[in-house]
Amino acid sequence: MLAPALQKNDKRAGAIIWIFSVVVFLLVVALGRYKLQVNLGFNVHIFAALNAVINTLVSLLLIAALVAVKSGKLLLHKRLMLTALVLSVLFLLSYVTHRLLAGEARFGDANHDGLVSDAEKAAVGATRMVYFVILSTHIFLAAVILPFILFTAYRALIAEWPAHKKLARYTWPLWFYVALTGPIVYLMISPYYR
């Protein structure tokens, strides 16, 4: 087993994790109501594409980290997971930037008028329902997974391996699902960006 990287302080860590998680959640919710009217001279949807790339990399890192830990390569597992965490922070910054600059796109809005007409709904058919199922599960799990990720990482960083392993059994598949569905949502919605 690896040595602790942090000194244990559950009360302080819990407070930091919950405050950070709530602030991130409230920030993302608030962003749904605002759009900055700024012309940066380039297509701001580059941030959405970057988000998809980051999520894809996080998915691959999570798989590699799972393989590493199952193979007993604990230091490699730790490095891969920390890299996934750092990329997730970069994702969050890029996501916030995209939401502020691009606003909301509507699935099926082929003429980009901000409304989805009956004809546009008919044109996408059942794909619209598939999109909303993937999107809603992605959003819900993305909203609740952050404190689980941070508590799981904290247990590893203080070398509480049984608690880390117990949390990771739930955290890993949920985090993987969120990371994997992010690029799928992007591929489905990107044709409807203005």
Protein backbone atom coordinates (compact mmCIF):
# COMPACT_ATOMS: atom_id res chain seq x y z
CA MET A 1 0.00 0.00 0.00
CA LEU A 2 1.03 3.58 -0.61
CA ALA A 3 1.90 5.96 2.22
CA PRO A 4 -0.52 8.76 3.06
CA ALA A 5 -0.05 11.93 1.01
CA LEU A 6 -2.19 14.04 3.36
CA GLN A 7 -2.60 14.21 7.10
CA LYS A 8 -6.01 13.00 8.18
CA ASN A 9 -8.45 15.73 9.19
CA ASP A 10 -11.95 14.45 8.39
CA LYS A 11 -13.76 17.49 9.74
CA ARG A 12 -11.76 19.98 7.69
CA ALA A 13 -11.74 17.79 4.56
CA GLY A 14 -15.49 17.22 4.82
CA ALA A 15 -16.16 20.94 5.13
CA ILE A 16 -13.93 21.78 2.16
CA ILE A 17 -15.43 19.02 0.01
CA TRP A 18 -19.03 19.99 0.78
CA ILE A 19 -18.46 23.73 0.37
CA PHE A 20 -16.63 23.21 -2.93
CA SER A 21 -19.31 20.81 -4.19
CA VAL A 22 -22.17 23.14 -3.30
CA VAL A 23 -20.43 26.19 -4.80
CA VAL A 24 -19.76 24.31 -8.06
CA PHE A 25 -23.37 23.09 -8.19
CA LEU A 26 -24.80 26.57 -7.57
CA LEU A 27 -22.42 28.10 -10.12
CA VAL A 28 -23.50 25.66 -12.81
CA VAL A 29 -27.19 26.17 -11.99
CA ALA A 30 -26.76 29.96 -12.08
CA LEU A 31 -25.02 29.75 -15.45
CA GLY A 32 -28.16 28.33 -16.99
CA ARG A 33 -29.69 31.80 -16.61
CA TYR A 34 -26.93 33.98 -18.01
CA LYS A 35 -25.18 34.49 -21.30
CA LEU A 36 -22.43 37.01 -21.87
CA GLN A 37 -22.87 38.97 -25.09
CA VAL A 38 -19.22 39.06 -26.12
CA ASN A 39 -17.68 38.54 -29.54
CA LEU A 40 -14.33 36.88 -29.02
CA GLY A 41 -13.61 36.59 -32.74
CA PHE A 42 -13.78 32.79 -32.76
CA ASN A 43 -16.41 30.09 -32.44
CA VAL A 44 -17.06 29.70 -28.70
CA HIS A 45 -18.25 26.14 -29.26
CA ILE A 46 -14.57 25.20 -29.35
CA PHE A 47 -15.00 24.96 -25.57
CA ALA A 48 -17.74 22.34 -26.00
CA ALA A 49 -15.46 20.34 -28.29
CA LEU A 50 -12.67 20.69 -25.71
CA ASN A 51 -15.09 19.43 -23.04
CA ALA A 52 -15.82 16.34 -25.13
CA VAL A 53 -12.10 15.68 -25.60
CA ILE A 54 -11.42 16.13 -21.88
CA ASN A 55 -14.29 13.81 -20.95
CA THR A 56 -13.02 11.21 -23.41
CA LEU A 57 -9.54 11.43 -21.87
CA VAL A 58 -11.02 11.12 -18.37
CA SER A 59 -12.94 8.00 -19.49
CA LEU A 60 -9.73 6.46 -20.81
CA LEU A 61 -7.82 7.41 -17.66
CA LEU A 62 -10.50 5.84 -15.48
CA ILE A 63 -10.27 2.59 -17.43
CA ALA A 64 -6.47 2.62 -17.29
CA ALA A 65 -6.58 3.36 -13.55
CA LEU A 66 -8.97 0.47 -12.97
CA VAL A 67 -6.68 -1.87 -14.89
CA ALA A 68 -3.67 -0.54 -12.97
CA VAL A 69 -5.22 -1.10 -9.54
CA LYS A 70 -6.46 -4.58 -10.52
CA SER A 71 -2.88 -5.35 -11.61
CA GLY A 72 -1.45 -4.14 -8.30
CA LYS A 73 0.20 -1.07 -9.86
CA LEU A 74 -0.88 1.27 -7.10
CA LEU A 75 1.41 4.21 -7.86
CA LEU A 76 0.34 4.17 -11.51
CA HIS A 77 -3.31 4.00 -10.37
CA LYS A 78 -2.77 7.03 -8.13
CA ARG A 79 -1.12 9.04 -10.91
CA LEU A 80 -3.84 8.18 -13.41
CA MET A 81 -6.60 9.12 -10.97
CA LEU A 82 -4.93 12.40 -10.02
CA THR A 83 -4.56 13.19 -13.72
CA ALA A 84 -8.27 12.45 -14.19
CA LEU A 85 -9.04 14.84 -11.30
CA VAL A 86 -6.89 17.62 -12.80
CA LEU A 87 -8.53 17.14 -16.19
CA SER A 88 -11.93 17.28 -14.52
CA VAL A 89 -11.05 20.67 -13.04
CA LEU A 90 -9.99 21.85 -16.51
CA PHE A 91 -13.28 20.48 -17.83
CA LEU A 92 -15.20 22.48 -15.25
CA LEU A 93 -13.42 25.70 -16.25
CA SER A 94 -14.06 25.03 -19.93
CA TYR A 95 -17.69 24.09 -19.25
CA VAL A 96 -18.31 27.29 -17.29
CA THR A 97 -16.69 29.33 -20.07
CA HIS A 98 -18.80 27.63 -22.75
CA ARG A 99 -22.05 28.11 -20.82
CA LEU A 100 -21.33 31.79 -20.24
CA LEU A 101 -20.39 32.49 -23.85
CA ALA A 102 -22.66 30.17 -25.84
CA GLY A 103 -25.87 29.91 -23.88
CA GLU A 104 -28.19 26.98 -24.48
CA ALA A 105 -28.74 24.93 -27.62
CA ARG A 106 -31.97 23.01 -28.20
CA PHE A 107 -31.89 19.49 -29.57
CA GLY A 108 -33.60 19.39 -32.95
CA ASP A 109 -33.50 23.16 -33.55
CA ALA A 110 -32.23 22.80 -37.12
CA ASN A 111 -32.97 26.40 -38.12
CA HIS A 112 -31.34 27.77 -34.91
CA ASP A 113 -34.27 30.05 -34.03
CA GLY A 114 -34.29 28.94 -30.38
CA LEU A 115 -37.53 26.98 -30.82
CA VAL A 116 -38.11 23.36 -31.78
CA SER A 117 -41.11 23.22 -34.08
CA ASP A 118 -43.30 20.16 -34.59
CA ALA A 119 -41.62 19.65 -37.98
CA GLU A 120 -38.16 19.76 -36.35
CA LYS A 121 -39.30 17.31 -33.66
CA ALA A 122 -40.62 14.97 -36.36
CA ALA A 123 -37.34 15.24 -38.26
CA VAL A 124 -35.31 13.93 -35.30
CA GLY A 125 -37.96 11.44 -34.18
CA ALA A 126 -37.16 9.07 -31.34
CA THR A 127 -33.55 10.30 -31.25
CA ARG A 128 -34.85 13.30 -29.30
CA MET A 129 -36.07 11.02 -26.49
CA VAL A 130 -32.80 9.08 -26.48
CA TYR A 131 -30.92 12.37 -26.24
CA PHE A 132 -33.01 13.58 -23.30
CA VAL A 133 -32.61 10.28 -21.42
CA ILE A 134 -28.83 10.40 -21.84
CA LEU A 135 -28.71 14.12 -21.05
CA SER A 136 -30.89 13.92 -17.95
CA THR A 137 -28.96 10.99 -16.44
CA HIS A 138 -25.68 12.71 -17.33
CA ILE A 139 -26.74 15.99 -15.69
CA PHE A 140 -28.15 14.33 -12.58
CA LEU A 141 -25.09 12.17 -12.01
CA ALA A 142 -22.70 15.02 -12.81
CA ALA A 143 -24.48 17.10 -10.17
CA VAL A 144 -24.16 14.47 -7.44
CA ILE A 145 -20.85 12.76 -8.26
CA LEU A 146 -18.43 15.55 -7.30
CA PRO A 147 -18.47 15.06 -3.51
CA PHE A 148 -18.19 11.28 -4.00
CA ILE A 149 -15.13 11.74 -6.20
CA LEU A 150 -13.54 14.10 -3.69
CA PHE A 151 -14.30 11.90 -0.66
CA THR A 152 -12.97 8.84 -2.52
CA ALA A 153 -9.78 10.71 -3.41
CA TYR A 154 -9.43 12.01 0.14
CA ARG A 155 -9.68 8.47 1.59
CA ALA A 156 -6.91 7.40 -0.78
CA LEU A 157 -4.73 10.41 0.00
CA ILE A 158 -4.91 9.67 3.75
CA ALA A 159 -4.33 5.96 3.04
CA GLU A 160 -7.63 4.69 4.43
CA TRP A 161 -7.73 1.88 1.90
CA PRO A 162 -10.81 -0.06 3.03
CA ALA A 163 -12.91 3.14 3.04
CA HIS A 164 -11.39 4.23 -0.28
CA LYS A 165 -12.15 0.87 -1.89
CA LYS A 166 -15.71 0.84 -0.54
CA LEU A 167 -16.42 4.33 -1.94
CA ALA A 168 -14.63 3.64 -5.23
CA ARG A 169 -16.98 0.73 -5.98
CA TYR A 170 -19.77 3.28 -6.38
CA THR A 171 -17.82 6.36 -7.42
CA TRP A 172 -15.88 4.81 -10.31
CA PRO A 173 -18.84 3.55 -12.39
CA LEU A 174 -20.81 6.77 -11.85
CA TRP A 175 -17.82 8.96 -12.74
CA PHE A 176 -17.13 6.78 -15.76
CA TYR A 177 -20.75 7.08 -16.92
CA VAL A 178 -20.64 10.88 -16.61
CA ALA A 179 -17.32 11.08 -18.45
CA LEU A 180 -18.49 8.69 -21.17
CA THR A 181 -21.88 10.30 -21.76
CA GLY A 182 -20.39 13.80 -21.95
CA PRO A 183 -18.92 13.27 -25.45
CA ILE A 184 -22.10 11.45 -26.52
CA VAL A 185 -24.21 14.46 -25.48
CA TYR A 186 -21.78 16.75 -27.32
CA LEU A 187 -21.96 14.70 -30.54
CA MET A 188 -25.75 14.71 -30.38
CA ILE A 189 -26.24 18.43 -29.60
CA SER A 190 -23.38 19.99 -31.60
CA PRO A 191 -25.29 20.07 -34.92
CA TYR A 192 -27.74 22.44 -33.21
CA TYR A 193 -25.20 24.99 -32.00
CA ARG A 194 -25.64 28.44 -33.50
